Amino acid sequence: MISHKSKTAPKVIVPAHIPKPLPDHLRSSLVSALLASSSIENIQSAMHDRCVETGWLDAIHQRAKDVIYNGEADTWGEVMAIITKEALGKEEPRAGSAAGSNGKSFQNARRQSGGRAAHSNTIVRMPDEVVKSGVSAVRTALDKFIELERA
């Protein structure tokens, strides 16, 4: 068993030509090495900091409120599904949509908002600079223990 507190990770030998999709055994080795070196916590921290700096977390919170107040979702799972699609760029926010269902799950939240239908123009797609920062953090972490296989 790999200790998650250890600061050193075993070297992971990676083929010069990496097949797609990544084989399960290689993915598992990489994740284990990231965990063993505490790199995942460092990556998460770097990503969180960039999300806060760019205002992305505030945008996510605002969009969740808008989805609830607009009646676009009846459950928290539906709120998350809408926001996740938008954040991944698979769907644009439904600006001004108040034609959603009237589920009981969020009726209280709507009542507290005075019944207003907030018109959302909040963009929740993750900023490119946050993605680039995340990619950089992962590369830095992986460089510590990846060794390319010699042909």
C-alpha atoms as a PDB file:
ATOM      1  CA  MET A   1       0.000   0.000   0.000  1.00  0.00           C
ATOM      2  CA  ILE A   2       1.293   3.453  -0.881  1.00  0.00           C
ATOM      3  CA  SER A   3       1.392   5.976   1.922  1.00  0.00           C
ATOM      4  CA  HIS A   4      -0.341   9.224   0.999  1.00  0.00           C
ATOM      5  CA  LYS A   5       1.916  11.136   3.393  1.00  0.00           C
ATOM      6  CA  SER A   6       5.192  10.215   1.722  1.00  0.00           C
ATOM      7  CA  LYS A   7       6.885  13.026  -0.177  1.00  0.00           C
ATOM      8  CA  THR A   8       8.710  10.769  -2.634  1.00  0.00           C
ATOM      9  CA  ALA A   9       7.032   8.774  -5.326  1.00  0.00           C
ATOM     10  CA  PRO A  10       8.333   5.803  -7.263  1.00  0.00           C
ATOM     11  CA  LYS A  11       9.459   6.449 -10.818  1.00  0.00           C
ATOM     12  CA  VAL A  12       6.829   5.628 -13.419  1.00  0.00           C
ATOM     13  CA  ILE A  13       8.123   4.339 -16.722  1.00  0.00           C
ATOM     14  CA  VAL A  14       6.018   5.746 -19.548  1.00  0.00           C
ATOM     15  CA  PRO A  15       6.260   4.461 -23.141  1.00  0.00           C
ATOM     16  CA  ALA A  16       7.734   6.919 -25.649  1.00  0.00           C
ATOM     17  CA  HIS A  17       4.536   6.615 -27.684  1.00  0.00           C
ATOM     18  CA  ILE A  18       1.638   6.805 -25.252  1.00  0.00           C
ATOM     19  CA  PRO A  19      -1.431   4.954 -26.518  1.00  0.00           C
ATOM     20  CA  LYS A  20      -4.842   6.613 -26.389  1.00  0.00           C
ATOM     21  CA  PRO A  21      -6.783   6.035 -24.309  1.00  0.00           C
ATOM     22  CA  LEU A  22      -4.245   5.738 -21.535  1.00  0.00           C
ATOM     23  CA  PRO A  23      -4.028   2.102 -20.364  1.00  0.00           C
ATOM     24  CA  ASP A  24      -5.575   1.476 -16.948  1.00  0.00           C
ATOM     25  CA  HIS A  25      -2.320   0.192 -15.428  1.00  0.00           C
ATOM     26  CA  LEU A  26      -0.457   3.344 -16.489  1.00  0.00           C
ATOM     27  CA  ARG A  27      -3.248   5.636 -15.266  1.00  0.00           C
ATOM     28  CA  SER A  28      -3.234   3.791 -11.944  1.00  0.00           C
ATOM     29  CA  SER A  29       0.562   4.121 -11.613  1.00  0.00           C
ATOM     30  CA  LEU A  30       0.409   7.854 -12.323  1.00  0.00           C
ATOM     31  CA  VAL A  31      -2.379   8.463  -9.814  1.00  0.00           C
ATOM     32  CA  SER A  32      -0.561   6.403  -7.175  1.00  0.00           C
ATOM     33  CA  ALA A  33       2.619   8.415  -7.727  1.00  0.00           C
ATOM     34  CA  LEU A  34       0.681  11.697  -7.518  1.00  0.00           C
ATOM     35  CA  LEU A  35      -0.915  10.566  -4.268  1.00  0.00           C
ATOM     36  CA  ALA A  36       2.364   9.314  -2.788  1.00  0.00           C
ATOM     37  CA  SER A  37       4.088  12.626  -3.459  1.00  0.00           C
ATOM     38  CA  SER A  38       1.228  14.814  -2.132  1.00  0.00           C
ATOM     39  CA  SER A  39       1.084  16.347  -5.605  1.00  0.00           C
ATOM     40  CA  ILE A  40      -2.697  16.116  -5.867  1.00  0.00           C
ATOM     41  CA  GLU A  41      -3.106  18.429  -2.889  1.00  0.00           C
ATOM     42  CA  ASN A  42      -0.654  20.883  -4.484  1.00  0.00           C
ATOM     43  CA  ILE A  43      -2.512  20.762  -7.809  1.00  0.00           C
ATOM     44  CA  GLN A  44      -5.855  21.270  -6.070  1.00  0.00           C
ATOM     45  CA  SER A  45      -4.494  24.207  -4.100  1.00  0.00           C
ATOM     46  CA  ALA A  46      -3.036  25.866  -7.205  1.00  0.00           C
ATOM     47  CA  MET A  47      -6.293  25.377  -9.122  1.00  0.00           C
ATOM     48  CA  HIS A  48      -8.406  26.686  -6.249  1.00  0.00           C
ATOM     49  CA  ASP A  49      -6.231  29.789  -5.925  1.00  0.00           C
ATOM     50  CA  ARG A  50      -6.514  30.546  -9.670  1.00  0.00           C
ATOM     51  CA  CYS A  51     -10.291  29.980  -9.578  1.00  0.00           C
ATOM     52  CA  VAL A  52     -10.605  32.488  -6.741  1.00  0.00           C
ATOM     53  CA  GLU A  53      -8.243  35.012  -8.389  1.00  0.00           C
ATOM     54  CA  THR A  54     -10.200  34.982 -11.650  1.00  0.00           C
ATOM     55  CA  GLY A  55     -13.581  35.239  -9.920  1.00  0.00           C
ATOM     56  CA  TRP A  56     -14.691  31.902 -11.315  1.00  0.00           C
ATOM     57  CA  LEU A  57     -15.904  30.537  -7.964  1.00  0.00           C
ATOM     58  CA  ASP A  58     -18.026  33.658  -7.448  1.00  0.00           C
ATOM     59  CA  ALA A  59     -19.486  33.178 -10.943  1.00  0.00           C
ATOM     60  CA  ILE A  60     -20.377  29.564 -10.128  1.00  0.00           C
ATOM     61  CA  HIS A  61     -22.116  30.616  -6.909  1.00  0.00           C
ATOM     62  CA  GLN A  62     -24.043  33.348  -8.715  1.00  0.00           C
ATOM     63  CA  ARG A  63     -25.104  31.024 -11.522  1.00  0.00           C
ATOM     64  CA  ALA A  64     -26.338  28.420  -8.993  1.00  0.00           C
ATOM     65  CA  LYS A  65     -28.481  31.110  -7.350  1.00  0.00           C
ATOM     66  CA  ASP A  66     -29.809  32.192 -10.738  1.00  0.00           C
ATOM     67  CA  VAL A  67     -30.707  28.620 -11.731  1.00  0.00           C
ATOM     68  CA  ILE A  68     -32.627  28.192  -8.473  1.00  0.00           C
ATOM     69  CA  TYR A  69     -34.396  31.559  -8.594  1.00  0.00           C
ATOM     70  CA  ASN A  70     -35.282  31.190 -12.279  1.00  0.00           C
ATOM     71  CA  GLY A  71     -36.886  27.825 -11.657  1.00  0.00           C
ATOM     72  CA  GLU A  72     -34.597  26.078 -14.136  1.00  0.00           C
ATOM     73  CA  ALA A  73     -34.077  23.128 -11.784  1.00  0.00           C
ATOM     74  CA  ASP A  74     -36.012  21.261  -9.112  1.00  0.00           C
ATOM     75  CA  THR A  75     -33.159  19.498  -7.343  1.00  0.00           C
ATOM     76  CA  TRP A  76     -29.555  20.205  -6.429  1.00  0.00           C
ATOM     77  CA  GLY A  77     -28.491  17.479  -8.871  1.00  0.00           C
ATOM     78  CA  GLU A  78     -30.274  19.310 -11.682  1.00  0.00           C
ATOM     79  CA  VAL A  79     -28.581  22.593 -10.686  1.00  0.00           C
ATOM     80  CA  MET A  80     -25.198  20.874 -10.811  1.00  0.00           C
ATOM     81  CA  ALA A  81     -25.982  19.233 -14.157  1.00  0.00           C
ATOM     82  CA  ILE A  82     -26.881  22.595 -15.727  1.00  0.00           C
ATOM     83  CA  ILE A  83     -23.819  24.358 -14.334  1.00  0.00           C
ATOM     84  CA  THR A  84     -21.488  21.500 -15.251  1.00  0.00           C
ATOM     85  CA  LYS A  85     -22.673  21.539 -18.879  1.00  0.00           C
ATOM     86  CA  GLU A  86     -22.201  25.296 -19.022  1.00  0.00           C
ATOM     87  CA  ALA A  87     -18.776  25.143 -17.341  1.00  0.00           C
ATOM     88  CA  LEU A  88     -17.625  22.541 -19.851  1.00  0.00           C
ATOM     89  CA  GLY A  89     -18.883  24.706 -22.707  1.00  0.00           C
ATOM     90  CA  LYS A  90     -21.544  22.174 -23.714  1.00  0.00           C
ATOM     91  CA  GLU A  91     -24.414  24.574 -23.114  1.00  0.00           C
ATOM     92  CA  GLU A  92     -24.862  28.325 -22.877  1.00  0.00           C
ATOM     93  CA  PRO A  93     -26.660  29.824 -19.876  1.00  0.00           C
ATOM     94  CA  ARG A  94     -30.379  30.190 -20.449  1.00  0.00           C
ATOM     95  CA  ALA A  95     -30.457  33.942 -19.925  1.00  0.00           C
ATOM     96  CA  GLY A  96     -33.719  35.211 -18.497  1.00  0.00           C
ATOM     97  CA  SER A  97     -35.269  31.771 -18.424  1.00  0.00           C
ATOM     98  CA  ALA A  98     -38.059  31.778 -15.881  1.00  0.00           C
ATOM     99  CA  ALA A  99     -40.079  29.076 -17.571  1.00  0.00           C
ATOM    100  CA  GLY A 100     -38.548  26.253 -15.546  1.00  0.00           C
ATOM    101  CA  SER A 101     -40.530  23.834 -13.458  1.00  0.00           C
ATOM    102  CA  ASN A 102     -42.008  24.676 -10.094  1.00  0.00           C
ATOM    103  CA  GLY A 103     -40.530  21.815  -8.055  1.00  0.00           C
ATOM    104  CA  LYS A 104     -40.916  21.887  -4.287  1.00  0.00           C
ATOM    105  CA  SER A 105     -37.182  21.451  -3.610  1.00  0.00           C
ATOM    106  CA  PHE A 106     -36.326  25.073  -4.328  1.00  0.00           C
ATOM    107  CA  GLN A 107     -39.687  26.794  -3.784  1.00  0.00           C
ATOM    108  CA  ASN A 108     -38.460  28.091  -0.435  1.00  0.00           C
ATOM    109  CA  ALA A 109     -35.366  29.646  -2.030  1.00  0.00           C
ATOM    110  CA  ARG A 110     -37.529  31.282  -4.677  1.00  0.00           C
ATOM    111  CA  ARG A 111     -39.890  32.581  -2.007  1.00  0.00           C
ATOM    112  CA  GLN A 112     -36.942  34.075  -0.104  1.00  0.00           C
ATOM    113  CA  SER A 113     -35.875  35.888  -3.265  1.00  0.00           C
ATOM    114  CA  GLY A 114     -39.243  37.628  -3.377  1.00  0.00           C
ATOM    115  CA  GLY A 115     -40.346  35.430  -6.250  1.00  0.00           C
ATOM    116  CA  ARG A 116     -38.085  37.314  -8.608  1.00  0.00           C
ATOM    117  CA  ALA A 117     -36.806  35.625 -11.703  1.00  0.00           C
ATOM    118  CA  ALA A 118     -33.181  36.640 -11.851  1.00  0.00           C
ATOM    119  CA  HIS A 119     -31.962  37.131 -15.383  1.00  0.00           C
ATOM    120  CA  SER A 120     -28.676  35.329 -15.662  1.00  0.00           C
ATOM    121  CA  ASN A 121     -25.915  36.340 -17.982  1.00  0.00           C
ATOM    122  CA  THR A 122     -23.344  34.706 -15.732  1.00  0.00           C
ATOM    123  CA  ILE A 123     -20.749  32.796 -17.721  1.00  0.00           C
ATOM    124  CA  VAL A 124     -19.412  29.798 -15.832  1.00  0.00           C
ATOM    125  CA  ARG A 125     -17.027  28.329 -18.357  1.00  0.00           C
ATOM    126  CA  MET A 126     -13.674  27.906 -16.649  1.00  0.00           C
ATOM    127  CA  PRO A 127     -11.272  30.638 -17.824  1.00  0.00           C
ATOM    128  CA  ASP A 128      -8.470  29.498 -20.134  1.00  0.00           C
ATOM    129  CA  GLU A 129      -5.868  30.895 -17.743  1.00  0.00           C
ATOM    130  CA  VAL A 130      -7.165  28.601 -14.980  1.00  0.00           C
ATOM    131  CA  VAL A 131      -7.012  25.586 -17.293  1.00  0.00           C
ATOM    132  CA  LYS A 132      -3.474  26.505 -18.398  1.00  0.00           C
ATOM    133  CA  SER A 133      -2.433  26.914 -14.772  1.00  0.00           C
ATOM    134  CA  GLY A 134      -3.855  23.480 -13.966  1.00  0.00           C
ATOM    135  CA  VAL A 135      -2.086  21.856 -16.901  1.00  0.00           C
ATOM    136  CA  SER A 136       1.163  23.492 -15.805  1.00  0.00           C
ATOM    137  CA  ALA A 137       0.712  22.267 -12.211  1.00  0.00           C
ATOM    138  CA  VAL A 138       0.057  18.699 -13.411  1.00  0.00           C
ATOM    139  CA  ARG A 139       3.081  18.749 -15.732  1.00  0.00           C
ATOM    140  CA  THR A 140       5.303  20.043 -12.947  1.00  0.00           C
ATOM    141  CA  ALA A 141       4.061  17.292 -10.643  1.00  0.00           C
ATOM    142  CA  LEU A 142       4.454  14.547 -13.247  1.00  0.00           C
ATOM    143  CA  ASP A 143       7.963  15.682 -14.228  1.00  0.00           C
ATOM    144  CA  LYS A 144       9.144  14.705 -10.749  1.00  0.00           C
ATOM    145  CA  PHE A 145       8.579  10.989 -11.269  1.00  0.00           C
ATOM    146  CA  ILE A 146       7.941  10.158 -14.925  1.00  0.00           C
ATOM    147  CA  GLU A 147      10.677   8.505 -16.880  1.00  0.00           C
ATOM    148  CA  LEU A 148      10.259   7.932 -20.609  1.00  0.00           C
ATOM    149  CA  GLU A 149      10.898   4.403 -21.800  1.00  0.00           C
ATOM    150  CA  ARG A 150      13.818   4.154 -24.196  1.00  0.00           C
ATOM    151  CA  ALA A 151      12.960   2.684 -27.556  1.00  0.00           C
END
